C-alpha atoms as a PDB file:
ATOM      1  CA  UNK A   1       0.000   0.000   0.000  1.00  0.00           C
ATOM      2  CA  UNK A   2       1.088   3.566  -0.669  1.00  0.00           C
ATOM      3  CA  UNK A   3       2.227   5.827   2.131  1.00  0.00           C
ATOM      4  CA  UNK A   4       3.747   9.286   2.302  1.00  0.00           C
ATOM      5  CA  UNK A   5       7.034   7.913   0.927  1.00  0.00           C
ATOM      6  CA  UNK A   6       5.610   6.092  -2.099  1.00  0.00           C
ATOM      7  CA  UNK A   7       2.324   7.780  -3.062  1.00  0.00           C
ATOM      8  CA  UNK A   8       2.339   9.618  -6.405  1.00  0.00           C
ATOM      9  CA  UNK A   9       3.188  13.304  -6.482  1.00  0.00           C
ATOM     10  CA  UNK A  10       1.014  14.361  -9.396  1.00  0.00           C
ATOM     11  CA  UNK A  11       2.611  17.794  -9.644  1.00  0.00           C
ATOM     12  CA  UNK A  12       6.059  16.251 -10.273  1.00  0.00           C
ATOM     13  CA  UNK A  13       5.111  13.374 -12.558  1.00  0.00           C
ATOM     14  CA  UNK A  14       6.292  12.006 -15.919  1.00  0.00           C
ATOM     15  CA  UNK A  15       4.945   9.288 -18.210  1.00  0.00           C
ATOM     16  CA  UNK A  16       7.176   6.570 -19.704  1.00  0.00           C
ATOM     17  CA  UNK A  17       5.864   4.430 -22.553  1.00  0.00           C
ATOM     18  CA  UNK A  18       7.878   1.255 -22.988  1.00  0.00           C
ATOM     19  CA  UNK A  19       8.474  -0.460 -26.352  1.00  0.00           C
ATOM     20  CA  UNK A  20       5.104   0.386 -27.911  1.00  0.00           C
ATOM     21  CA  UNK A  21       6.636  -0.029 -31.353  1.00  0.00           C
ATOM     22  CA  UNK A  22       5.215  -1.171 -34.661  1.00  0.00           C
ATOM     23  CA  UNK A  23       6.908  -4.584 -34.458  1.00  0.00           C
ATOM     24  CA  UNK A  24       5.135  -5.413 -31.158  1.00  0.00           C
ATOM     25  CA  UNK A  25       1.591  -4.833 -32.455  1.00  0.00           C
ATOM     26  CA  UNK A  26      -0.873  -7.459 -33.649  1.00  0.00           C
ATOM     27  CA  UNK A  27       0.280  -9.360 -36.729  1.00  0.00           C
ATOM     28  CA  UNK A  28       3.806  -7.922 -36.693  1.00  0.00           C
ATOM     29  CA  UNK A  29       7.172  -9.730 -36.480  1.00  0.00           C
ATOM     30  CA  UNK A  30       7.549  -9.397 -32.705  1.00  0.00           C
ATOM     31  CA  UNK A  31       3.872  -9.351 -31.757  1.00  0.00           C
ATOM     32  CA  UNK A  32       3.253  -9.140 -28.000  1.00  0.00           C
ATOM     33  CA  UNK A  33      -0.350 -10.156 -27.288  1.00  0.00           C
ATOM     34  CA  UNK A  34      -2.342  -7.443 -25.587  1.00  0.00           C
ATOM     35  CA  UNK A  35      -0.204  -4.509 -26.714  1.00  0.00           C
ATOM     36  CA  UNK A  36      -2.597  -3.433 -29.462  1.00  0.00           C
ATOM     37  CA  UNK A  37      -5.521  -3.818 -27.037  1.00  0.00           C
ATOM     38  CA  UNK A  38      -3.782  -1.518 -24.525  1.00  0.00           C
ATOM     39  CA  UNK A  39      -3.110   1.202 -27.120  1.00  0.00           C
ATOM     40  CA  UNK A  40      -6.272   3.268 -26.484  1.00  0.00           C
ATOM     41  CA  UNK A  41      -5.523   3.674 -22.760  1.00  0.00           C
ATOM     42  CA  UNK A  42      -1.841   4.432 -23.373  1.00  0.00           C
ATOM     43  CA  UNK A  43      -2.850   6.946 -26.045  1.00  0.00           C
ATOM     44  CA  UNK A  44      -5.292   8.597 -23.622  1.00  0.00           C
ATOM     45  CA  UNK A  45      -2.467   8.981 -21.097  1.00  0.00           C
ATOM     46  CA  UNK A  46      -0.172  10.474 -23.735  1.00  0.00           C
ATOM     47  CA  UNK A  47      -2.861  12.934 -24.812  1.00  0.00           C
ATOM     48  CA  UNK A  48      -3.513  13.953 -21.202  1.00  0.00           C
ATOM     49  CA  UNK A  49       0.164  14.474 -20.361  1.00  0.00           C
ATOM     50  CA  UNK A  50       0.775  16.349 -23.607  1.00  0.00           C
ATOM     51  CA  UNK A  51      -2.264  18.615 -23.147  1.00  0.00           C
ATOM     52  CA  UNK A  52      -1.074  19.540 -19.644  1.00  0.00           C
ATOM     53  CA  UNK A  53       2.604  19.948 -20.653  1.00  0.00           C
ATOM     54  CA  UNK A  54       3.655  17.112 -18.336  1.00  0.00           C
ATOM     55  CA  UNK A  55       6.859  15.294 -19.323  1.00  0.00           C
ATOM     56  CA  UNK A  56       6.410  12.275 -21.587  1.00  0.00           C
ATOM     57  CA  UNK A  57       9.193   9.924 -22.748  1.00  0.00           C
ATOM     58  CA  UNK A  58       8.735   7.206 -25.363  1.00  0.00           C
ATOM     59  CA  UNK A  59      11.334   4.516 -24.684  1.00  0.00           C
ATOM     60  CA  UNK A  60      12.258   2.300 -27.624  1.00  0.00           C
ATOM     61  CA  UNK A  61      14.522  -0.482 -28.758  1.00  0.00           C
ATOM     62  CA  UNK A  62      16.890  -0.093 -31.702  1.00  0.00           C
ATOM     63  CA  UNK A  63      18.911  -3.067 -32.898  1.00  0.00           C
ATOM     64  CA  UNK A  64      21.760  -2.979 -35.345  1.00  0.00           C
ATOM     65  CA  UNK A  65      21.255  -5.632 -38.060  1.00  0.00           C
ATOM     66  CA  UNK A  66      24.196  -7.713 -36.794  1.00  0.00           C
ATOM     67  CA  UNK A  67      22.735  -7.768 -33.275  1.00  0.00           C
ATOM     68  CA  UNK A  68      25.880  -6.306 -31.737  1.00  0.00           C
ATOM     69  CA  UNK A  69      23.904  -4.047 -29.370  1.00  0.00           C
ATOM     70  CA  UNK A  70      21.191  -6.587 -28.497  1.00  0.00           C
ATOM     71  CA  UNK A  71      20.818  -8.714 -25.389  1.00  0.00           C
ATOM     72  CA  UNK A  72      22.705 -11.991 -25.664  1.00  0.00           C
ATOM     73  CA  UNK A  73      19.516 -14.012 -26.075  1.00  0.00           C
ATOM     74  CA  UNK A  74      18.550 -11.993 -29.163  1.00  0.00           C
ATOM     75  CA  UNK A  75      21.883 -11.838 -30.960  1.00  0.00           C
ATOM     76  CA  UNK A  76      21.497 -15.286 -32.483  1.00  0.00           C
ATOM     77  CA  UNK A  77      18.085 -14.614 -34.068  1.00  0.00           C
ATOM     78  CA  UNK A  78      19.205 -11.236 -35.400  1.00  0.00           C
ATOM     79  CA  UNK A  79      22.393 -12.658 -36.882  1.00  0.00           C
ATOM     80  CA  UNK A  80      20.280 -15.423 -38.443  1.00  0.00           C
ATOM     81  CA  UNK A  81      18.288 -12.794 -40.300  1.00  0.00           C
ATOM     82  CA  UNK A  82      15.255 -12.165 -38.119  1.00  0.00           C
ATOM     83  CA  UNK A  83      14.159  -8.551 -38.363  1.00  0.00           C
ATOM     84  CA  UNK A  84      12.640  -6.692 -35.419  1.00  0.00           C
ATOM     85  CA  UNK A  85      13.312  -3.236 -33.952  1.00  0.00           C
ATOM     86  CA  UNK A  86      15.980  -2.688 -36.608  1.00  0.00           C
ATOM     87  CA  UNK A  87      17.495   0.792 -36.852  1.00  0.00           C
ATOM     88  CA  UNK A  88      16.240   2.531 -39.965  1.00  0.00           C
ATOM     89  CA  UNK A  89      13.276   0.184 -40.453  1.00  0.00           C
ATOM     90  CA  UNK A  90       9.549   0.960 -39.990  1.00  0.00           C
ATOM     91  CA  UNK A  91       9.160  -1.688 -37.288  1.00  0.00           C
ATOM     92  CA  UNK A  92      11.106   0.419 -34.810  1.00  0.00           C
ATOM     93  CA  UNK A  93       8.620   3.289 -34.930  1.00  0.00           C
ATOM     94  CA  UNK A  94       6.484   4.166 -31.921  1.00  0.00           C
ATOM     95  CA  UNK A  95       2.777   3.486 -32.542  1.00  0.00           C
ATOM     96  CA  UNK A  96       1.441   6.704 -34.112  1.00  0.00           C
ATOM     97  CA  UNK A  97      -1.537   6.795 -31.720  1.00  0.00           C
ATOM     98  CA  UNK A  98       0.911   7.784 -28.959  1.00  0.00           C
ATOM     99  CA  UNK A  99       2.623  10.636 -30.782  1.00  0.00           C
ATOM    100  CA  UNK A 100       1.805  14.247 -31.625  1.00  0.00           C
ATOM    101  CA  UNK A 101       0.720  15.023 -35.154  1.00  0.00           C
ATOM    102  CA  UNK A 102       3.610  15.189 -37.612  1.00  0.00           C
ATOM    103  CA  UNK A 103       6.044  13.750 -35.049  1.00  0.00           C
ATOM    104  CA  UNK A 104       9.578  13.281 -36.307  1.00  0.00           C
ATOM    105  CA  UNK A 105      10.888   9.757 -36.746  1.00  0.00           C
ATOM    106  CA  UNK A 106      13.551   8.573 -34.325  1.00  0.00           C
ATOM    107  CA  UNK A 107      17.042   9.862 -35.090  1.00  0.00           C
ATOM    108  CA  UNK A 108      18.673   6.461 -34.736  1.00  0.00           C
ATOM    109  CA  UNK A 109      22.292   7.615 -34.762  1.00  0.00           C
ATOM    110  CA  UNK A 110      21.720  10.203 -32.058  1.00  0.00           C
ATOM    111  CA  UNK A 111      19.604   7.890 -29.902  1.00  0.00           C
ATOM    112  CA  UNK A 112      22.141   5.063 -30.131  1.00  0.00           C
ATOM    113  CA  UNK A 113      24.715   7.491 -28.716  1.00  0.00           C
ATOM    114  CA  UNK A 114      22.541   7.939 -25.632  1.00  0.00           C
ATOM    115  CA  UNK A 115      20.972  11.291 -26.435  1.00  0.00           C
ATOM    116  CA  UNK A 116      17.284  11.947 -25.901  1.00  0.00           C
ATOM    117  CA  UNK A 117      15.441  13.344 -28.920  1.00  0.00           C
ATOM    118  CA  UNK A 118      12.887  16.122 -28.384  1.00  0.00           C
ATOM    119  CA  UNK A 119       9.467  15.788 -30.039  1.00  0.00           C
ATOM    120  CA  UNK A 120       7.909  18.835 -28.414  1.00  0.00           C
ATOM    121  CA  UNK A 121       8.201  21.118 -25.388  1.00  0.00           C
ATOM    122  CA  UNK A 122       7.840  18.238 -22.911  1.00  0.00           C
ATOM    123  CA  UNK A 123       8.100  15.067 -25.023  1.00  0.00           C
ATOM    124  CA  UNK A 124      11.075  12.912 -26.033  1.00  0.00           C
ATOM    125  CA  UNK A 125      12.297   9.622 -27.463  1.00  0.00           C
ATOM    126  CA  UNK A 126      14.828   7.646 -25.418  1.00  0.00           C
ATOM    127  CA  UNK A 127      16.731   4.527 -26.485  1.00  0.00           C
ATOM    128  CA  UNK A 128      17.398   1.716 -24.041  1.00  0.00           C
ATOM    129  CA  UNK A 129      20.118  -0.849 -24.745  1.00  0.00           C
ATOM    130  CA  UNK A 130      18.748  -3.488 -22.377  1.00  0.00           C
ATOM    131  CA  UNK A 131      15.479  -4.536 -20.711  1.00  0.00           C
ATOM    132  CA  UNK A 132      15.097  -1.602 -18.335  1.00  0.00           C
ATOM    133  CA  UNK A 133      14.702   1.989 -19.524  1.00  0.00           C
ATOM    134  CA  UNK A 134      17.270   3.367 -17.057  1.00  0.00           C
ATOM    135  CA  UNK A 135      20.159   1.023 -17.853  1.00  0.00           C
ATOM    136  CA  UNK A 136      22.867   2.671 -19.948  1.00  0.00           C
ATOM    137  CA  UNK A 137      20.665   5.640 -20.844  1.00  0.00           C
ATOM    138  CA  UNK A 138      20.383   9.287 -19.932  1.00  0.00           C
ATOM    139  CA  UNK A 139      16.846   8.881 -18.631  1.00  0.00           C
ATOM    140  CA  UNK A 140      17.562   9.211 -14.912  1.00  0.00           C
ATOM    141  CA  UNK A 141      19.545  12.436 -15.295  1.00  0.00           C
ATOM    142  CA  UNK A 142      16.908  13.814 -17.658  1.00  0.00           C
ATOM    143  CA  UNK A 143      14.063  13.206 -15.200  1.00  0.00           C
ATOM    144  CA  UNK A 144      16.063  14.564 -12.284  1.00  0.00           C
ATOM    145  CA  UNK A 145      16.818  17.745 -14.221  1.00  0.00           C
ATOM    146  CA  UNK A 146      13.062  18.189 -14.711  1.00  0.00           C
ATOM    147  CA  UNK A 147      12.412  17.801 -10.985  1.00  0.00           C
ATOM    148  CA  UNK A 148      10.436  14.593 -11.468  1.00  0.00           C
ATOM    149  CA  UNK A 149       9.737  12.443  -8.403  1.00  0.00           C
ATOM    150  CA  UNK A 150       7.037  10.136  -9.833  1.00  0.00           C
ATOM    151  CA  UNK A 151       7.058   8.032 -12.995  1.00  0.00           C
ATOM    152  CA  UNK A 152       4.011   6.469 -14.604  1.00  0.00           C
ATOM    153  CA  UNK A 153       4.874   3.354 -16.598  1.00  0.00           C
ATOM    154  CA  UNK A 154       2.767   1.926 -19.418  1.00  0.00           C
ATOM    155  CA  UNK A 155       3.610  -0.177 -22.437  1.00  0.00           C
ATOM    156  CA  UNK A 156       4.625  -3.514 -23.795  1.00  0.00           C
ATOM    157  CA  UNK A 157       5.080  -6.818 -21.996  1.00  0.00           C
ATOM    158  CA  UNK A 158       5.115  -6.667 -18.208  1.00  0.00           C
ATOM    159  CA  UNK A 159       7.354  -9.725 -17.561  1.00  0.00           C
ATOM    160  CA  UNK A 160      10.340  -8.282 -19.411  1.00  0.00           C
ATOM    161  CA  UNK A 161      10.965  -4.608 -20.137  1.00  0.00           C
ATOM    162  CA  UNK A 162       8.131  -3.056 -18.151  1.00  0.00           C
ATOM    163  CA  UNK A 163       8.988  -5.035 -15.024  1.00  0.00           C
ATOM    164  CA  UNK A 164      12.696  -4.247 -15.356  1.00  0.00           C
ATOM    165  CA  UNK A 165      11.908  -0.540 -15.763  1.00  0.00           C
ATOM    166  CA  UNK A 166       9.656  -0.528 -12.685  1.00  0.00           C
ATOM    167  CA  UNK A 167      12.389  -2.064 -10.544  1.00  0.00           C
ATOM    168  CA  UNK A 168      15.066   0.243 -11.935  1.00  0.00           C
ATOM    169  CA  UNK A 169      12.881   3.287 -11.210  1.00  0.00           C
ATOM    170  CA  UNK A 170      12.176   2.092  -7.676  1.00  0.00           C
ATOM    171  CA  UNK A 171      15.876   1.429  -7.075  1.00  0.00           C
ATOM    172  CA  UNK A 172      16.537   5.075  -7.992  1.00  0.00           C
ATOM    173  CA  UNK A 173      13.965   6.280  -5.437  1.00  0.00           C
ATOM    174  CA  UNK A 174      11.352   7.375  -7.922  1.00  0.00           C
ATOM    175  CA  UNK A 175       7.760   6.943  -6.831  1.00  0.00           C
ATOM    176  CA  UNK A 176       6.267   4.569  -9.385  1.00  0.00           C
ATOM    177  CA  UNK A 177       2.813   4.038 -10.884  1.00  0.00           C
ATOM    178  CA  UNK A 178       2.088   0.974 -13.037  1.00  0.00           C
ATOM    179  CA  UNK A 179      -0.997   1.200 -15.255  1.00  0.00           C
ATOM    180  CA  UNK A 180      -3.340  -1.770 -14.880  1.00  0.00           C
ATOM    181  CA  UNK A 181      -5.051  -1.296 -18.242  1.00  0.00           C
ATOM    182  CA  UNK A 182      -2.078   0.091 -20.152  1.00  0.00           C
ATOM    183  CA  UNK A 183       0.501  -2.711 -19.863  1.00  0.00           C
ATOM    184  CA  UNK A 184       0.373  -5.888 -21.931  1.00  0.00           C
ATOM    185  CA  UNK A 185       0.735  -9.217 -20.088  1.00  0.00           C
ATOM    186  CA  UNK A 186       0.116  -7.513 -16.727  1.00  0.00           C
ATOM    187  CA  UNK A 187      -1.692  -9.893 -14.364  1.00  0.00           C
ATOM    188  CA  UNK A 188      -3.005  -9.776 -10.813  1.00  0.00           C
ATOM    189  CA  UNK A 189       0.084 -11.736  -9.777  1.00  0.00           C
ATOM    190  CA  UNK A 190       2.188  -8.913 -11.204  1.00  0.00           C
ATOM    191  CA  UNK A 191       0.087  -6.325  -9.371  1.00  0.00           C
ATOM    192  CA  UNK A 192       0.649  -8.121  -6.068  1.00  0.00           C
ATOM    193  CA  UNK A 193       4.378  -8.406  -6.727  1.00  0.00           C
ATOM    194  CA  UNK A 194       4.709  -4.678  -7.348  1.00  0.00           C
ATOM    195  CA  UNK A 195       2.404  -3.580  -4.540  1.00  0.00           C
ATOM    196  CA  UNK A 196       4.653  -5.483  -2.142  1.00  0.00           C
ATOM    197  CA  UNK A 197       7.504  -3.059  -2.952  1.00  0.00           C
ATOM    198  CA  UNK A 198       5.417   0.097  -2.783  1.00  0.00           C
ATOM    199  CA  UNK A 199       4.422   0.473  -6.428  1.00  0.00           C
ATOM    200  CA  UNK A 200       1.102   2.220  -7.053  1.00  0.00           C
ATOM    201  CA  UNK A 201      -1.269   0.183  -9.235  1.00  0.00           C
ATOM    202  CA  UNK A 202      -3.685   2.568 -10.969  1.00  0.00           C
ATOM    203  CA  UNK A 203      -5.771   2.726 -14.123  1.00  0.00           C
ATOM    204  CA  UNK A 204      -5.156   5.232 -16.891  1.00  0.00           C
ATOM    205  CA  UNK A 205      -8.251   7.164 -15.810  1.00  0.00           C
ATOM    206  CA  UNK A 206      -7.011   7.268 -12.205  1.00  0.00           C
ATOM    207  CA  UNK A 207      -3.795   8.947 -13.328  1.00  0.00           C
ATOM    208  CA  UNK A 208      -5.571  11.386 -15.632  1.00  0.00           C
ATOM    209  CA  UNK A 209      -7.858  12.364 -12.745  1.00  0.00           C
ATOM    210  CA  UNK A 210      -4.819  12.816 -10.500  1.00  0.00           C
ATOM    211  CA  UNK A 211      -3.029  15.202 -12.833  1.00  0.00           C
ATOM    212  CA  UNK A 212      -6.271  17.097 -13.421  1.00  0.00           C
ATOM    213  CA  UNK A 213      -6.389  17.914  -9.694  1.00  0.00           C
ATOM    214  CA  UNK A 214      -2.955  19.588  -9.646  1.00  0.00           C
END
């Protein structure tokens, strides 16, 4: 359960979307069941944060074709010719429902060097080289510079990248919100696991209502 140390601070909050990329959607090469179904709630969060000028970071994967920057378990498939999240390819793109109109495509070279790419006054792309969004990236320093204390996490595939990002955020003393209806493969077992370490489990509408009150 939340207490004064873990409850969200809606006036110092940022949204992270995790791996909601074309290749993870229904019928695509790296389809993650439930990601397309979660899109409307994630999009509603993005619209709400954008409309209120609250920080919003779209975290994405970018693999070089030879797999040299991929996790060890994915290097073999990439070197064998499988194509997913490849730099320069359409499958790496964030689902358009989450982005502002006429959003620029990811600048792969810049992102692979660890730089965040601005999409608007309070919106960015960020590349992550491993499961969690904070590992080997500039995300922590970026959020700290903005005065953020609370991160809202939504996106693709709870057991892997979402879960790793939640734990990395908690380990850095961010207050964390996980979105029940905006994370694919998120189950009640996962909710219980996160609640046991002080993570707030809220719906997209709960978060939108929270930021509306600040």
